[in-house]
N, C-alpha and C. Protein backbone atom coordinates (compact mmCIF):
# COMPACT_ATOMS: atom_id res chain seq x y z
N MET A 1 -29.46 25.79 -14.10
CA MET A 1 -28.08 25.13 -12.71
C MET A 1 -28.10 25.92 -11.47
N SER A 2 -28.47 24.90 -10.82
CA SER A 2 -28.64 25.53 -9.15
C SER A 2 -27.23 25.38 -8.90
N ASN A 3 -27.39 26.49 -7.65
CA ASN A 3 -26.01 26.78 -6.38
C ASN A 3 -25.67 25.14 -6.00
N GLU A 4 -25.92 25.17 -5.99
CA GLU A 4 -25.87 23.41 -5.47
C GLU A 4 -24.63 22.40 -6.20
N LEU A 5 -24.97 22.74 -7.03
CA LEU A 5 -24.50 21.84 -8.38
C LEU A 5 -23.00 22.59 -8.62
N ILE A 6 -23.34 23.91 -9.04
CA ILE A 6 -22.04 24.71 -9.00
C ILE A 6 -21.59 23.94 -8.22
N GLY A 7 -21.73 24.35 -6.89
CA GLY A 7 -20.78 24.19 -5.54
C GLY A 7 -19.87 22.89 -5.76
N TYR A 8 -20.68 21.30 -6.64
CA TYR A 8 -20.55 20.28 -6.33
C TYR A 8 -19.19 20.66 -7.31
N LEU A 9 -19.72 21.21 -8.86
CA LEU A 9 -18.71 21.20 -9.77
C LEU A 9 -17.79 21.58 -9.82
N THR A 10 -17.47 23.11 -8.38
CA THR A 10 -16.14 23.47 -8.12
C THR A 10 -15.44 22.94 -7.49
N THR A 11 -16.01 22.41 -6.68
CA THR A 11 -15.20 21.33 -5.41
C THR A 11 -13.80 19.97 -6.35
N PHE A 12 -14.90 19.72 -7.45
CA PHE A 12 -14.47 18.38 -8.61
C PHE A 12 -13.14 19.09 -8.77
N VAL A 13 -13.20 20.03 -9.75
CA VAL A 13 -12.44 20.31 -10.84
C VAL A 13 -10.95 21.09 -9.42
N LEU A 14 -11.46 21.63 -8.31
CA LEU A 14 -10.54 22.05 -8.03
C LEU A 14 -9.65 20.88 -7.53
N ALA A 15 -11.23 20.26 -7.14
CA ALA A 15 -9.54 18.76 -6.40
C ALA A 15 -9.05 17.72 -7.41
N ALA A 16 -8.99 18.16 -8.45
CA ALA A 16 -8.65 17.44 -10.11
C ALA A 16 -7.10 18.29 -9.72
N PHE A 17 -7.47 19.64 -9.99
CA PHE A 17 -6.44 20.11 -10.22
C PHE A 17 -5.35 20.41 -9.11
N VAL A 18 -5.89 19.87 -8.41
CA VAL A 18 -4.74 20.20 -6.85
C VAL A 18 -4.24 18.27 -6.38
N GLY A 19 -5.26 17.78 -6.57
CA GLY A 19 -4.39 16.50 -6.82
C GLY A 19 -3.00 15.80 -7.80
N PHE A 20 -3.23 16.76 -9.26
CA PHE A 20 -2.55 16.12 -10.77
C PHE A 20 -1.49 16.57 -10.45
N GLU A 21 -1.46 18.05 -9.37
CA GLU A 21 -0.16 19.00 -9.02
C GLU A 21 0.74 18.14 -7.66
N VAL A 22 -0.16 17.81 -6.58
CA VAL A 22 0.27 17.04 -5.81
C VAL A 22 1.32 15.54 -6.03
N ILE A 23 0.37 15.21 -6.61
CA ILE A 23 1.47 13.24 -7.41
C ILE A 23 1.94 14.21 -8.29
N SER A 24 2.04 14.61 -9.26
CA SER A 24 2.89 15.15 -10.04
C SER A 24 4.45 15.59 -9.52
N LYS A 25 4.15 16.11 -7.89
CA LYS A 25 5.50 16.25 -7.54
C LYS A 25 6.22 15.46 -7.10
N VAL A 26 5.74 14.15 -6.95
CA VAL A 26 6.50 13.32 -5.72
C VAL A 26 7.69 12.35 -6.27
N PRO A 27 8.87 12.18 -5.38
CA PRO A 27 9.87 11.92 -6.08
C PRO A 27 9.34 10.43 -6.52
N THR A 28 10.41 9.67 -7.21
CA THR A 28 10.35 8.50 -8.28
C THR A 28 10.41 7.67 -6.24
N VAL A 29 11.46 7.89 -5.73
CA VAL A 29 11.47 7.08 -4.30
C VAL A 29 10.67 7.03 -3.62
N LEU A 30 9.69 7.83 -3.52
CA LEU A 30 8.00 7.42 -2.67
C LEU A 30 7.08 7.09 -3.41
N HIS A 31 7.59 6.74 -4.47
CA HIS A 31 6.25 5.94 -4.86
C HIS A 31 5.36 5.20 -3.97
N THR A 32 6.56 4.15 -3.75
CA THR A 32 5.76 2.54 -2.99
C THR A 32 5.47 2.55 -1.80
N PRO A 33 5.56 4.07 -1.08
CA PRO A 33 5.40 3.97 0.19
C PRO A 33 3.60 4.62 0.34
N LEU A 34 3.81 5.33 -0.92
CA LEU A 34 2.70 6.22 -0.94
C LEU A 34 1.19 5.18 -1.36
N MET A 35 2.25 4.29 -2.50
CA MET A 35 1.10 3.40 -3.43
C MET A 35 0.32 2.66 -1.92
N SER A 36 1.11 2.17 -1.48
CA SER A 36 0.34 1.43 -0.06
C SER A 36 -0.46 2.48 0.51
N GLY A 37 0.23 3.84 0.74
CA GLY A 37 -1.12 4.47 1.52
C GLY A 37 -2.32 4.76 0.76
N SER A 38 -2.30 4.57 -0.41
CA SER A 38 -3.69 5.19 -1.25
C SER A 38 -4.23 3.81 -1.22
N ASN A 39 -3.81 3.06 -1.47
CA ASN A 39 -4.75 1.61 -0.85
C ASN A 39 -5.58 1.56 0.36
N ALA A 40 -4.97 1.89 1.42
CA ALA A 40 -5.56 1.99 2.44
C ALA A 40 -6.77 3.01 2.46
N ILE A 41 -6.20 3.86 2.09
CA ILE A 41 -7.33 4.70 1.55
C ILE A 41 -8.55 4.83 0.72
N HIS A 42 -7.96 4.12 -0.66
CA HIS A 42 -8.98 3.66 -0.96
C HIS A 42 -10.12 2.50 -0.50
N GLY A 43 -9.35 1.32 -0.23
CA GLY A 43 -10.19 0.85 0.96
C GLY A 43 -11.61 1.39 2.04
N ILE A 44 -11.06 2.55 2.23
CA ILE A 44 -12.21 3.32 3.25
C ILE A 44 -13.16 4.19 2.11
N ILE A 45 -12.36 4.18 1.20
CA ILE A 45 -13.13 4.65 -0.25
C ILE A 45 -14.54 3.58 -0.59
N LEU A 46 -13.90 2.47 -0.54
CA LEU A 46 -14.67 1.55 -1.50
C LEU A 46 -15.67 0.97 0.30
N VAL A 47 -15.55 1.12 1.55
CA VAL A 47 -16.06 0.87 2.22
C VAL A 47 -17.02 1.70 2.51
N GLY A 48 -16.83 3.46 2.11
CA GLY A 48 -18.22 4.22 1.91
C GLY A 48 -19.14 4.44 0.80
N ALA A 49 -18.56 3.53 -0.12
CA ALA A 49 -19.39 3.23 -1.23
C ALA A 49 -20.18 2.29 -1.09
N ILE A 50 -19.90 1.72 -0.34
CA ILE A 50 -20.74 0.24 -0.41
C ILE A 50 -22.17 0.95 1.00
N ALA A 51 -21.60 1.75 1.88
CA ALA A 51 -22.74 2.15 2.56
C ALA A 51 -23.34 3.01 1.90
N ILE A 52 -23.40 3.60 1.21
CA ILE A 52 -23.95 5.07 0.00
C ILE A 52 -24.62 3.64 -1.18
N GLU A 53 -24.38 2.75 -1.26
CA GLU A 53 -25.02 1.93 -2.00
C GLU A 53 -26.33 1.26 -1.40
N MET A 54 -26.32 1.39 -0.30
CA MET A 54 -27.24 1.08 0.82
C MET A 54 -28.40 1.25 0.74
N ARG A 55 -28.15 3.20 0.49
CA ARG A 55 -29.27 3.93 0.76
C ARG A 55 -29.65 4.25 -0.32
N ALA A 56 -29.34 3.24 -1.30
CA ALA A 56 -29.36 4.74 -2.26
C ALA A 56 -31.36 3.66 -3.04
N HIS A 57 -31.94 4.86 -3.61
CA HIS A 57 -33.62 4.39 -4.15
C HIS A 57 -34.00 4.28 -5.69
N GLY A 58 -33.65 3.94 -6.66
CA GLY A 58 -34.38 4.25 -7.21
C GLY A 58 -33.08 3.43 -8.57
N PRO A 59 -33.72 2.64 -9.93
CA PRO A 59 -32.43 2.93 -10.64
C PRO A 59 -30.83 3.45 -10.53
N LEU A 60 -31.38 4.57 -10.87
CA LEU A 60 -30.18 5.33 -11.21
C LEU A 60 -29.74 5.69 -10.19
N GLN A 61 -29.75 5.86 -8.72
CA GLN A 61 -29.47 5.85 -8.01
C GLN A 61 -28.17 4.76 -7.15
N LEU A 62 -29.40 3.24 -7.52
CA LEU A 62 -28.26 1.86 -7.83
C LEU A 62 -28.09 1.91 -8.83
N SER A 63 -27.42 2.94 -9.89
CA SER A 63 -26.10 2.35 -11.04
C SER A 63 -25.19 3.28 -10.97
N VAL A 64 -25.89 4.20 -10.36
CA VAL A 64 -23.64 5.25 -10.11
C VAL A 64 -23.63 3.85 -8.68
N GLY A 65 -24.49 3.93 -7.93
CA GLY A 65 -23.91 2.87 -7.03
C GLY A 65 -22.87 2.01 -7.07
N PHE A 66 -23.65 1.56 -7.93
CA PHE A 66 -22.84 -0.20 -8.90
C PHE A 66 -21.38 0.45 -9.46
N VAL A 67 -21.55 1.69 -9.97
CA VAL A 67 -20.17 2.07 -11.40
C VAL A 67 -19.33 2.58 -9.66
N ALA A 68 -19.67 3.34 -8.69
CA ALA A 68 -18.75 3.23 -7.92
C ALA A 68 -17.94 1.60 -6.75
N VAL A 69 -18.55 0.90 -6.21
CA VAL A 69 -18.19 0.13 -5.99
C VAL A 69 -17.53 -0.72 -7.04
N LEU A 70 -17.71 -0.40 -8.35
CA LEU A 70 -17.25 -1.43 -9.09
C LEU A 70 -15.03 -1.05 -9.38
N LEU A 71 -15.25 0.65 -9.35
CA LEU A 71 -14.21 0.97 -9.10
C LEU A 71 -13.52 1.61 -8.96
N ALA A 72 -14.28 1.21 -7.09
CA ALA A 72 -13.07 1.84 -6.14
C ALA A 72 -12.57 0.15 -5.95
N THR A 73 -13.56 -1.38 -6.12
CA THR A 73 -12.56 -2.69 -6.07
C THR A 73 -11.41 -2.59 -6.88
N ILE A 74 -12.03 -1.95 -8.67
CA ILE A 74 -10.58 -2.08 -9.21
C ILE A 74 -9.48 -1.62 -8.80
N ASN A 75 -9.63 -0.47 -8.19
CA ASN A 75 -8.01 0.92 -7.55
C ASN A 75 -7.94 0.15 -6.52
N VAL A 76 -8.03 -0.31 -5.53
CA VAL A 76 -8.09 -1.26 -4.79
C VAL A 76 -7.01 -2.56 -5.02
N VAL A 77 -7.75 -3.29 -6.07
CA VAL A 77 -6.52 -4.72 -6.43
C VAL A 77 -5.95 -4.01 -6.66
N GLY A 78 -5.68 -3.17 -7.80
CA GLY A 78 -4.82 -3.07 -8.92
C GLY A 78 -3.60 -2.48 -7.91
N GLY A 79 -3.92 -1.47 -7.28
CA GLY A 79 -3.04 -0.75 -6.31
C GLY A 79 -2.40 -1.45 -5.95
N PHE A 80 -2.59 -2.93 -5.00
CA PHE A 80 -1.77 -3.94 -4.10
C PHE A 80 -1.31 -4.50 -5.33
N VAL A 81 -1.87 -4.83 -6.31
CA VAL A 81 -0.93 -5.38 -7.65
C VAL A 81 0.26 -4.54 -8.16
N VAL A 82 0.09 -3.99 -8.17
CA VAL A 82 1.49 -2.37 -8.72
C VAL A 82 2.37 -2.14 -7.88
N THR A 83 2.06 -2.08 -5.92
CA THR A 83 2.94 -2.52 -5.21
C THR A 83 3.49 -3.58 -4.54
N ASP A 84 2.87 -5.31 -4.75
CA ASP A 84 3.53 -6.24 -4.71
C ASP A 84 4.86 -6.73 -6.25
N ARG A 85 4.00 -6.17 -6.83
CA ARG A 85 5.51 -6.00 -8.85
C ARG A 85 6.53 -4.89 -7.56
N MET A 86 6.40 -3.68 -7.44
CA MET A 86 7.20 -2.19 -6.88
C MET A 86 8.25 -3.05 -5.51
N LEU A 87 7.20 -3.97 -4.59
CA LEU A 87 8.61 -4.21 -3.37
C LEU A 87 9.30 -5.43 -3.86
N GLU A 88 8.64 -5.83 -5.32
CA GLU A 88 9.12 -7.23 -6.09
C GLU A 88 10.96 -7.25 -6.46
N MET A 89 11.28 -5.98 -6.63
CA MET A 89 12.83 -4.82 -7.20
C MET A 89 13.41 -4.93 -6.19
N PHE A 90 12.67 -5.02 -4.82
CA PHE A 90 13.58 -4.58 -3.81
C PHE A 90 14.53 -6.09 -2.90
N LYS A 91 14.06 -6.63 -3.53
CA LYS A 91 14.23 -8.68 -2.30
C LYS A 91 15.61 -8.96 -3.49
N PRO A 92 16.31 -9.80 -2.65
CA PRO A 92 17.88 -9.66 -3.36
C PRO A 92 17.14 -11.34 -4.55
N ARG A 93 18.67 -10.74 -5.39
CA ARG A 93 18.78 -11.72 -6.54
C ARG A 93 18.82 -13.22 -6.07
N PRO A 94 18.46 -14.22 -6.89
CA PRO A 94 18.79 -15.55 -6.63
C PRO A 94 20.82 -15.82 -6.72
N LYS A 95 21.51 -16.15 -5.79
CA LYS A 95 22.77 -16.32 -6.60
C LYS A 95 22.82 -17.16 -7.46
N ALA A 96 24.19 -16.74 -8.42
CA ALA A 96 24.33 -18.30 -9.76
C ALA A 96 24.98 -19.43 -9.07
N SER A 97 24.03 -20.25 -9.79
CA SER A 97 24.72 -21.71 -9.31
C SER A 97 26.01 -22.04 -9.74
N GLU A 98 26.62 -23.38 -8.47
CA GLU A 98 27.74 -23.33 -8.30
C GLU A 98 28.94 -23.97 -9.63
N SER A 99 27.82 -24.04 -10.82
CA SER A 99 28.25 -25.08 -12.00
C SER A 99 29.02 -24.29 -13.04
N GLY A 100 29.34 -22.64 -12.32
CA GLY A 100 30.33 -22.09 -13.05
C GLY A 100 29.50 -20.45 -14.23
N ASP A 101 28.31 -21.81 -13.68
CA ASP A 101 27.08 -20.01 -14.85
C ASP A 101 27.56 -19.02 -14.13
N THR A 102 27.70 -18.06 -14.98
CA THR A 102 28.50 -16.60 -14.44
C THR A 102 26.78 -15.26 -15.23
N ALA A 103 25.67 -15.96 -14.73
CA ALA A 103 24.72 -15.55 -15.58
C ALA A 103 24.73 -13.99 -14.46
N PRO A 104 23.87 -12.58 -15.09
CA PRO A 104 24.16 -11.29 -14.15
C PRO A 104 22.87 -11.75 -13.01
C-alpha cells in the first residue's frame, strides 16, 4: 500500500469518528436548524461532485463520479424533505369547527 493511500484512509477514518461524535452530541432542539445548514453544505458537495465528474477520464472514474453525484443529490433532496416535515410540527393547528366538535 502506498503512503498516499494510507494517508487518505487515515483521514477518512478520523473524519468518520469525529463526525459521529459531533452529531451524537447535538441536542434535539437544534436538529432542525442544523439540518437546514447541512443541506446547504450538501448542495456545495453536489456542485463539487459535478465539477469532478466533468474532469473524469475512463469508465471507473466516471462510475465513481456518477455515484457521488447520485448520493449527493439523494442527500440534498432527503434533507429538505426531512426539514420540511420537522418544520410542519411547529405550524399552528387548525381550530376546531364551531359545530361543537371537540377534536384535539
